[in-house]
């Protein structure tokens, strides 16, 4: 199953608001599994997305997450599916 990890930098103090918005966006996606956490370090939020449709994952990151107010930047890493199976 295609899986992506999205690392998010946010404006100071807006991580809880962004997490809430992402949960609202993903709640409407029936065929997407997700896990979201605030983290310490270089990034503020990490989102794990899984779906049978990799294009849907790309769309969520590009058209939804990156457009949320106070999201400064994202780094998306797609899991190599062949390695996941071995």
PDB file of N, CA and C in Angstrom:
ATOM      1  N   UNK A   1       0.853  -1.173   0.000  1.00  0.00           N
ATOM      2  CA  UNK A   1       0.000   0.000   0.000  1.00  0.00           C
ATOM      3  C   UNK A   1       0.898   1.236   0.000  1.00  0.00           C
ATOM      4  N   UNK A   2       0.715   2.147  -0.936  1.00  0.00           N
ATOM      5  CA  UNK A   2       1.514   3.367  -0.954  1.00  0.00           C
ATOM      6  C   UNK A   2       1.394   4.136   0.371  1.00  0.00           C
ATOM      7  N   UNK A   3       2.557   4.533   0.877  1.00  0.00           N
ATOM      8  CA  UNK A   3       2.627   5.261   2.143  1.00  0.00           C
ATOM      9  C   UNK A   3       3.553   6.456   1.976  1.00  0.00           C
ATOM     10  N   UNK A   4       3.164   7.576   2.592  1.00  0.00           N
ATOM     11  CA  UNK A   4       3.979   8.793   2.583  1.00  0.00           C
ATOM     12  C   UNK A   4       4.134   9.314   3.998  1.00  0.00           C
ATOM     13  N   UNK A   5       5.295   9.878   4.258  1.00  0.00           N
ATOM     14  CA  UNK A   5       5.526  10.620   5.487  1.00  0.00           C
ATOM     15  C   UNK A   5       5.682  12.078   5.088  1.00  0.00           C
ATOM     16  N   UNK A   6       4.904  12.951   5.708  1.00  0.00           N
ATOM     17  CA  UNK A   6       4.951  14.373   5.404  1.00  0.00           C
ATOM     18  C   UNK A   6       5.451  15.091   6.647  1.00  0.00           C
ATOM     19  N   UNK A   7       6.601  15.757   6.521  1.00  0.00           N
ATOM     20  CA  UNK A   7       7.171  16.545   7.608  1.00  0.00           C
ATOM     21  C   UNK A   7       6.795  17.997   7.366  1.00  0.00           C
ATOM     22  N   UNK A   8       6.269  18.651   8.389  1.00  0.00           N
ATOM     23  CA  UNK A   8       5.711  19.988   8.230  1.00  0.00           C
ATOM     24  C   UNK A   8       6.396  20.968   9.170  1.00  0.00           C
ATOM     25  N   UNK A   9       6.793  22.122   8.626  1.00  0.00           N
ATOM     26  CA  UNK A   9       7.221  23.269   9.428  1.00  0.00           C
ATOM     27  C   UNK A   9       6.055  24.236   9.494  1.00  0.00           C
ATOM     28  N   UNK A  10       5.765  24.709  10.703  1.00  0.00           N
ATOM     29  CA  UNK A  10       4.646  25.635  10.875  1.00  0.00           C
ATOM     30  C   UNK A  10       5.130  26.919  11.551  1.00  0.00           C
ATOM     31  N   UNK A  11       4.310  27.940  11.461  1.00  0.00           N
ATOM     32  CA  UNK A  11       4.599  29.162  12.198  1.00  0.00           C
ATOM     33  C   UNK A  11       4.498  28.877  13.689  1.00  0.00           C
ATOM     34  N   UNK A  12       5.286  29.572  14.472  1.00  0.00           N
ATOM     35  CA  UNK A  12       5.359  29.362  15.910  1.00  0.00           C
ATOM     36  C   UNK A  12       3.978  29.410  16.564  1.00  0.00           C
ATOM     37  N   UNK A  13       3.653  28.371  17.316  1.00  0.00           N
ATOM     38  CA  UNK A  13       2.408  28.326  18.073  1.00  0.00           C
ATOM     39  C   UNK A  13       1.172  27.936  17.297  1.00  0.00           C
ATOM     40  N   UNK A  14       1.339  27.503  16.047  1.00  0.00           N
ATOM     41  CA  UNK A  14       0.153  27.171  15.233  1.00  0.00           C
ATOM     42  C   UNK A  14       0.020  25.671  14.970  1.00  0.00           C
ATOM     43  N   UNK A  15       0.873  24.856  15.590  1.00  0.00           N
ATOM     44  CA  UNK A  15       0.862  23.425  15.280  1.00  0.00           C
ATOM     45  C   UNK A  15      -0.438  22.732  15.658  1.00  0.00           C
ATOM     46  N   UNK A  16      -1.036  23.076  16.786  1.00  0.00           N
ATOM     47  CA  UNK A  16      -2.294  22.438  17.200  1.00  0.00           C
ATOM     48  C   UNK A  16      -3.408  22.782  16.208  1.00  0.00           C
ATOM     49  N   UNK A  17      -3.453  24.026  15.773  1.00  0.00           N
ATOM     50  CA  UNK A  17      -4.452  24.471  14.791  1.00  0.00           C
ATOM     51  C   UNK A  17      -4.273  23.717  13.466  1.00  0.00           C
ATOM     52  N   UNK A  18      -3.043  23.556  13.022  1.00  0.00           N
ATOM     53  CA  UNK A  18      -2.768  22.851  11.767  1.00  0.00           C
ATOM     54  C   UNK A  18      -3.132  21.379  11.883  1.00  0.00           C
ATOM     55  N   UNK A  19      -2.788  20.750  13.007  1.00  0.00           N
ATOM     56  CA  UNK A  19      -3.135  19.348  13.224  1.00  0.00           C
ATOM     57  C   UNK A  19      -4.644  19.155  13.144  1.00  0.00           C
ATOM     58  N   UNK A  20      -5.389  20.053  13.755  1.00  0.00           N
ATOM     59  CA  UNK A  20      -6.856  19.986  13.716  1.00  0.00           C
ATOM     60  C   UNK A  20      -7.369  20.097  12.284  1.00  0.00           C
ATOM     61  N   UNK A  21      -6.814  21.028  11.517  1.00  0.00           N
ATOM     62  CA  UNK A  21      -7.246  21.197  10.124  1.00  0.00           C
ATOM     63  C   UNK A  21      -6.935  19.967   9.286  1.00  0.00           C
ATOM     64  N   UNK A  22      -5.757  19.377   9.498  1.00  0.00           N
ATOM     65  CA  UNK A  22      -5.399  18.179   8.742  1.00  0.00           C
ATOM     66  C   UNK A  22      -6.335  17.031   9.102  1.00  0.00           C
ATOM     67  N   UNK A  23      -6.638  16.864  10.379  1.00  0.00           N
ATOM     68  CA  UNK A  23      -7.577  15.811  10.792  1.00  0.00           C
ATOM     69  C   UNK A  23      -8.935  16.014  10.147  1.00  0.00           C
ATOM     70  N   UNK A  24      -9.400  17.263  10.064  1.00  0.00           N
ATOM     71  CA  UNK A  24     -10.686  17.561   9.416  1.00  0.00           C
ATOM     72  C   UNK A  24     -10.652  17.199   7.934  1.00  0.00           C
ATOM     73  N   UNK A  25      -9.559  17.536   7.260  1.00  0.00           N
ATOM     74  CA  UNK A  25      -9.420  17.219   5.837  1.00  0.00           C
ATOM     75  C   UNK A  25      -9.424  15.708   5.626  1.00  0.00           C
ATOM     76  N   UNK A  26      -8.657  14.998   6.444  1.00  0.00           N
ATOM     77  CA  UNK A  26      -8.504  13.560   6.253  1.00  0.00           C
ATOM     78  C   UNK A  26      -9.708  12.755   6.737  1.00  0.00           C
ATOM     79  N   UNK A  27     -10.512  13.321   7.605  1.00  0.00           N
ATOM     80  CA  UNK A  27     -11.708  12.629   8.090  1.00  0.00           C
ATOM     81  C   UNK A  27     -12.690  12.350   6.946  1.00  0.00           C
ATOM     82  N   UNK A  28     -12.671  13.187   5.913  1.00  0.00           N
ATOM     83  CA  UNK A  28     -13.563  13.031   4.769  1.00  0.00           C
ATOM     84  C   UNK A  28     -13.039  12.027   3.744  1.00  0.00           C
ATOM     85  N   UNK A  29     -11.794  11.594   3.897  1.00  0.00           N
ATOM     86  CA  UNK A  29     -11.165  10.678   2.945  1.00  0.00           C
ATOM     87  C   UNK A  29     -11.375   9.239   3.416  1.00  0.00           C
ATOM     88  N   UNK A  30     -12.322   8.562   2.822  1.00  0.00           N
ATOM     89  CA  UNK A  30     -12.688   7.205   3.255  1.00  0.00           C
ATOM     90  C   UNK A  30     -11.587   6.180   3.012  1.00  0.00           C
ATOM     91  N   UNK A  31     -10.812   6.348   1.954  1.00  0.00           N
ATOM     92  CA  UNK A  31      -9.821   5.338   1.581  1.00  0.00           C
ATOM     93  C   UNK A  31      -8.384   5.729   1.939  1.00  0.00           C
ATOM     94  N   UNK A  32      -8.232   6.624   2.925  1.00  0.00           N
ATOM     95  CA  UNK A  32      -6.907   7.054   3.370  1.00  0.00           C
ATOM     96  C   UNK A  32      -6.776   6.796   4.860  1.00  0.00           C
ATOM     97  N   UNK A  33      -5.721   6.073   5.227  1.00  0.00           N
ATOM     98  CA  UNK A  33      -5.402   5.884   6.638  1.00  0.00           C
ATOM     99  C   UNK A  33      -4.353   6.924   7.002  1.00  0.00           C
ATOM    100  N   UNK A  34      -4.415   7.448   8.225  1.00  0.00           N
ATOM    101  CA  UNK A  34      -3.440   8.458   8.594  1.00  0.00           C
ATOM    102  C   UNK A  34      -3.102   8.396  10.073  1.00  0.00           C
ATOM    103  N   UNK A  35      -1.946   8.932  10.371  1.00  0.00           N
ATOM    104  CA  UNK A  35      -1.476   9.113  11.735  1.00  0.00           C
ATOM    105  C   UNK A  35      -0.790  10.470  11.747  1.00  0.00           C
ATOM    106  N   UNK A  36      -1.048  11.292  12.758  1.00  0.00           N
ATOM    107  CA  UNK A  36      -0.496  12.635  12.808  1.00  0.00           C
ATOM    108  C   UNK A  36      -0.003  12.932  14.219  1.00  0.00           C
ATOM    109  N   UNK A  37       1.185  13.518  14.299  1.00  0.00           N
ATOM    110  CA  UNK A  37       1.773  13.830  15.593  1.00  0.00           C
ATOM    111  C   UNK A  37       2.551  15.141  15.535  1.00  0.00           C
ATOM    112  N   UNK A  38       2.479  15.897  16.611  1.00  0.00           N
ATOM    113  CA  UNK A  38       3.379  17.019  16.803  1.00  0.00           C
ATOM    114  C   UNK A  38       4.701  16.455  17.295  1.00  0.00           C
ATOM    115  N   UNK A  39       5.824  17.019  16.840  1.00  0.00           N
ATOM    116  CA  UNK A  39       7.137  16.503  17.216  1.00  0.00           C
ATOM    117  C   UNK A  39       8.071  17.657  17.571  1.00  0.00           C
ATOM    118  N   UNK A  40       9.114  17.330  18.336  1.00  0.00           N
ATOM    119  CA  UNK A  40      10.180  18.277  18.634  1.00  0.00           C
ATOM    120  C   UNK A  40      11.288  18.090  17.617  1.00  0.00           C
ATOM    121  N   UNK A  41      11.977  19.149  17.289  1.00  0.00           N
ATOM    122  CA  UNK A  41      13.109  19.044  16.383  1.00  0.00           C
ATOM    123  C   UNK A  41      12.989  20.025  15.235  1.00  0.00           C
ATOM    124  N   UNK A  42      13.601  19.669  14.120  1.00  0.00           N
ATOM    125  CA  UNK A  42      13.632  20.540  12.949  1.00  0.00           C
ATOM    126  C   UNK A  42      12.226  20.762  12.393  1.00  0.00           C
ATOM    127  N   UNK A  43      11.382  19.734  12.459  1.00  0.00           N
ATOM    128  CA  UNK A  43      10.007  19.834  11.972  1.00  0.00           C
ATOM    129  C   UNK A  43       9.059  19.891  13.156  1.00  0.00           C
ATOM    130  N   UNK A  44       7.841  20.368  12.906  1.00  0.00           N
ATOM    131  CA  UNK A  44       6.852  20.561  13.968  1.00  0.00           C
ATOM    132  C   UNK A  44       5.780  19.482  13.990  1.00  0.00           C
ATOM    133  N   UNK A  45       5.460  18.940  12.816  1.00  0.00           N
ATOM    134  CA  UNK A  45       4.373  17.969  12.676  1.00  0.00           C
ATOM    135  C   UNK A  45       4.824  16.891  11.701  1.00  0.00           C
ATOM    136  N   UNK A  46       4.458  15.652  11.985  1.00  0.00           N
ATOM    137  CA  UNK A  46       4.694  14.562  11.026  1.00  0.00           C
ATOM    138  C   UNK A  46       3.361  13.857  10.774  1.00  0.00           C
ATOM    139  N   UNK A  47       3.098  13.601   9.501  1.00  0.00           N
ATOM    140  CA  UNK A  47       1.862  12.939   9.092  1.00  0.00           C
ATOM    141  C   UNK A  47       2.233  11.697   8.296  1.00  0.00           C
ATOM    142  N   UNK A  48       1.664  10.567   8.661  1.00  0.00           N
ATOM    143  CA  UNK A  48       1.823   9.332   7.898  1.00  0.00           C
ATOM    144  C   UNK A  48       0.516   9.085   7.165  1.00  0.00           C
ATOM    145  N   UNK A  49       0.590   8.989   5.848  1.00  0.00           N
ATOM    146  CA  UNK A  49      -0.585   8.759   5.011  1.00  0.00           C
ATOM    147  C   UNK A  49      -0.433   7.443   4.262  1.00  0.00           C
ATOM    148  N   UNK A  50      -1.485   6.649   4.210  1.00  0.00           N
ATOM    149  CA  UNK A  50      -1.489   5.405   3.436  1.00  0.00           C
ATOM    150  C   UNK A  50      -2.794   5.299   2.669  1.00  0.00           C
ATOM    151  N   UNK A  51      -2.678   4.836   1.422  1.00  0.00           N
ATOM    152  CA  UNK A  51      -3.853   4.650   0.575  1.00  0.00           C
ATOM    153  C   UNK A  51      -3.472   3.711  -0.558  1.00  0.00           C
ATOM    154  N   UNK A  52      -4.460   3.049  -1.132  1.00  0.00           N
ATOM    155  CA  UNK A  52      -4.208   2.228  -2.304  1.00  0.00           C
ATOM    156  C   UNK A  52      -3.944   3.081  -3.539  1.00  0.00           C
ATOM    157  N   UNK A  53      -4.219   4.373  -3.440  1.00  0.00           N
ATOM    158  CA  UNK A  53      -4.092   5.286  -4.569  1.00  0.00           C
ATOM    159  C   UNK A  53      -2.995   6.316  -4.278  1.00  0.00           C
ATOM    160  N   UNK A  54      -1.819   6.133  -4.891  1.00  0.00           N
ATOM    161  CA  UNK A  54      -0.705   7.055  -4.643  1.00  0.00           C
ATOM    162  C   UNK A  54      -0.983   8.460  -5.168  1.00  0.00           C
ATOM    163  N   UNK A  55      -1.764   8.567  -6.225  1.00  0.00           N
ATOM    164  CA  UNK A  55      -2.125   9.897  -6.741  1.00  0.00           C
ATOM    165  C   UNK A  55      -2.971  10.664  -5.721  1.00  0.00           C
ATOM    166  N   UNK A  56      -3.806   9.947  -5.005  1.00  0.00           N
ATOM    167  CA  UNK A  56      -4.630  10.579  -3.977  1.00  0.00           C
ATOM    168  C   UNK A  56      -3.730  11.145  -2.878  1.00  0.00           C
ATOM    169  N   UNK A  57      -2.686  10.407  -2.504  1.00  0.00           N
ATOM    170  CA  UNK A  57      -1.750  10.899  -1.500  1.00  0.00           C
ATOM    171  C   UNK A  57      -1.070  12.179  -1.976  1.00  0.00           C
ATOM    172  N   UNK A  58      -0.603  12.178  -3.210  1.00  0.00           N
ATOM    173  CA  UNK A  58       0.038  13.372  -3.766  1.00  0.00           C
ATOM    174  C   UNK A  58      -0.919  14.559  -3.768  1.00  0.00           C
ATOM    175  N   UNK A  59      -2.157  14.306  -4.127  1.00  0.00           N
ATOM    176  CA  UNK A  59      -3.155  15.368  -4.166  1.00  0.00           C
ATOM    177  C   UNK A  59      -3.411  15.948  -2.774  1.00  0.00           C
ATOM    178  N   UNK A  60      -3.504  15.099  -1.777  1.00  0.00           N
ATOM    179  CA  UNK A  60      -3.741  15.566  -0.410  1.00  0.00           C
ATOM    180  C   UNK A  60      -2.611  16.483   0.043  1.00  0.00           C
ATOM    181  N   UNK A  61      -1.384  16.078  -0.223  1.00  0.00           N
ATOM    182  CA  UNK A  61      -0.242  16.897   0.193  1.00  0.00           C
ATOM    183  C   UNK A  61      -0.224  18.208  -0.576  1.00  0.00           C
ATOM    184  N   UNK A  62      -0.332  18.136  -1.900  1.00  0.00           N
ATOM    185  CA  UNK A  62      -0.213  19.323  -2.746  1.00  0.00           C
ATOM    186  C   UNK A  62      -1.405  20.268  -2.636  1.00  0.00           C
ATOM    187  N   UNK A  63      -2.597  19.722  -2.694  1.00  0.00           N
ATOM    188  CA  UNK A  63      -3.797  20.557  -2.769  1.00  0.00           C
ATOM    189  C   UNK A  63      -4.431  20.880  -1.432  1.00  0.00           C
ATOM    190  N   UNK A  64      -4.096  20.129  -0.396  1.00  0.00           N
ATOM    191  CA  UNK A  64      -4.736  20.344   0.898  1.00  0.00           C
ATOM    192  C   UNK A  64      -3.730  20.785   1.966  1.00  0.00           C
ATOM    193  N   UNK A  65      -2.799  19.925   2.319  1.00  0.00           N
ATOM    194  CA  UNK A  65      -1.895  20.214   3.436  1.00  0.00           C
ATOM    195  C   UNK A  65      -1.036  21.446   3.162  1.00  0.00           C
ATOM    196  N   UNK A  66      -0.430  21.528   1.990  1.00  0.00           N
ATOM    197  CA  UNK A  66       0.472  22.653   1.706  1.00  0.00           C
ATOM    198  C   UNK A  66      -0.244  23.987   1.648  1.00  0.00           C
ATOM    199  N   UNK A  67      -1.559  23.983   1.465  1.00  0.00           N
ATOM    200  CA  UNK A  67      -2.321  25.230   1.369  1.00  0.00           C
ATOM    201  C   UNK A  67      -2.908  25.688   2.702  1.00  0.00           C
ATOM    202  N   UNK A  68      -2.690  24.936   3.762  1.00  0.00           N
ATOM    203  CA  UNK A  68      -3.195  25.334   5.076  1.00  0.00           C
ATOM    204  C   UNK A  68      -2.428  26.559   5.553  1.00  0.00           C
ATOM    205  N   UNK A  69      -3.177  27.525   6.051  1.00  0.00           N
ATOM    206  CA  UNK A  69      -2.559  28.736   6.582  1.00  0.00           C
ATOM    207  C   UNK A  69      -1.598  28.378   7.705  1.00  0.00           C
ATOM    208  N   UNK A  70      -0.460  29.035   7.761  1.00  0.00           N
ATOM    209  CA  UNK A  70       0.601  28.870   8.758  1.00  0.00           C
ATOM    210  C   UNK A  70       1.497  27.656   8.517  1.00  0.00           C
ATOM    211  N   UNK A  71       1.278  26.905   7.434  1.00  0.00           N
ATOM    212  CA  UNK A  71       2.227  25.875   7.042  1.00  0.00           C
ATOM    213  C   UNK A  71       3.332  26.587   6.262  1.00  0.00           C
ATOM    214  N   UNK A  72       4.550  26.561   6.808  1.00  0.00           N
ATOM    215  CA  UNK A  72       5.666  27.233   6.141  1.00  0.00           C
ATOM    216  C   UNK A  72       6.239  26.383   5.022  1.00  0.00           C
ATOM    217  N   UNK A  73       6.448  25.088   5.311  1.00  0.00           N
ATOM    218  CA  UNK A  73       7.030  24.208   4.303  1.00  0.00           C
ATOM    219  C   UNK A  73       6.701  22.757   4.637  1.00  0.00           C
ATOM    220  N   UNK A  74       6.846  21.901   3.629  1.00  0.00           N
ATOM    221  CA  UNK A  74       6.654  20.460   3.822  1.00  0.00           C
ATOM    222  C   UNK A  74       7.797  19.714   3.152  1.00  0.00           C
ATOM    223  N   UNK A  75       8.058  18.530   3.660  1.00  0.00           N
ATOM    224  CA  UNK A  75       8.979  17.590   3.031  1.00  0.00           C
ATOM    225  C   UNK A  75       8.252  16.257   2.995  1.00  0.00           C
ATOM    226  N   UNK A  76       8.029  15.734   1.799  1.00  0.00           N
ATOM    227  CA  UNK A  76       7.276  14.495   1.645  1.00  0.00           C
ATOM    228  C   UNK A  76       8.215  13.371   1.225  1.00  0.00           C
ATOM    229  N   UNK A  77       8.098  12.260   1.924  1.00  0.00           N
ATOM    230  CA  UNK A  77       8.897  11.078   1.612  1.00  0.00           C
ATOM    231  C   UNK A  77       7.955   9.924   1.317  1.00  0.00           C
ATOM    232  N   UNK A  78       8.077   9.364   0.121  1.00  0.00           N
ATOM    233  CA  UNK A  78       7.274   8.217  -0.281  1.00  0.00           C
ATOM    234  C   UNK A  78       8.046   6.944   0.079  1.00  0.00           C
ATOM    235  N   UNK A  79       7.359   6.000   0.709  1.00  0.00           N
ATOM    236  CA  UNK A  79       7.974   4.718   1.064  1.00  0.00           C
ATOM    237  C   UNK A  79       8.202   3.901  -0.197  1.00  0.00           C
ATOM    238  N   UNK A  80       9.369   3.270  -0.300  1.00  0.00           N
ATOM    239  CA  UNK A  80       9.677   2.398  -1.437  1.00  0.00           C
ATOM    240  C   UNK A  80       8.953   1.074  -1.191  1.00  0.00           C
ATOM    241  N   UNK A  81       7.921   0.829  -1.966  1.00  0.00           N
ATOM    242  CA  UNK A  81       7.048  -0.329  -1.726  1.00  0.00           C
ATOM    243  C   UNK A  81       7.778  -1.666  -1.865  1.00  0.00           C
ATOM    244  N   UNK A  82       8.723  -1.776  -2.791  1.00  0.00           N
ATOM    245  CA  UNK A  82       9.436  -3.040  -2.968  1.00  0.00           C
ATOM    246  C   UNK A  82      10.218  -3.400  -1.701  1.00  0.00           C
ATOM    247  N   UNK A  83      10.796  -2.423  -1.040  1.00  0.00           N
ATOM    248  CA  UNK A  83      11.552  -2.673   0.177  1.00  0.00           C
ATOM    249  C   UNK A  83      10.632  -2.965   1.342  1.00  0.00           C
ATOM    250  N   UNK A  84       9.453  -2.400   1.329  1.00  0.00           N
ATOM    251  CA  UNK A  84       8.478  -2.603   2.389  1.00  0.00           C
ATOM    252  C   UNK A  84       8.073  -4.079   2.475  1.00  0.00           C
ATOM    253  N   UNK A  85       8.061  -4.779   1.354  1.00  0.00           N
ATOM    254  CA  UNK A  85       7.610  -6.172   1.293  1.00  0.00           C
ATOM    255  C   UNK A  85       8.694  -7.166   1.676  1.00  0.00           C
ATOM    256  N   UNK A  86       9.971  -6.748   1.637  1.00  0.00           N
ATOM    257  CA  UNK A  86      11.047  -7.705   1.923  1.00  0.00           C
ATOM    258  C   UNK A  86      11.430  -7.740   3.377  1.00  0.00           C
TER     259      UNK A  86
END
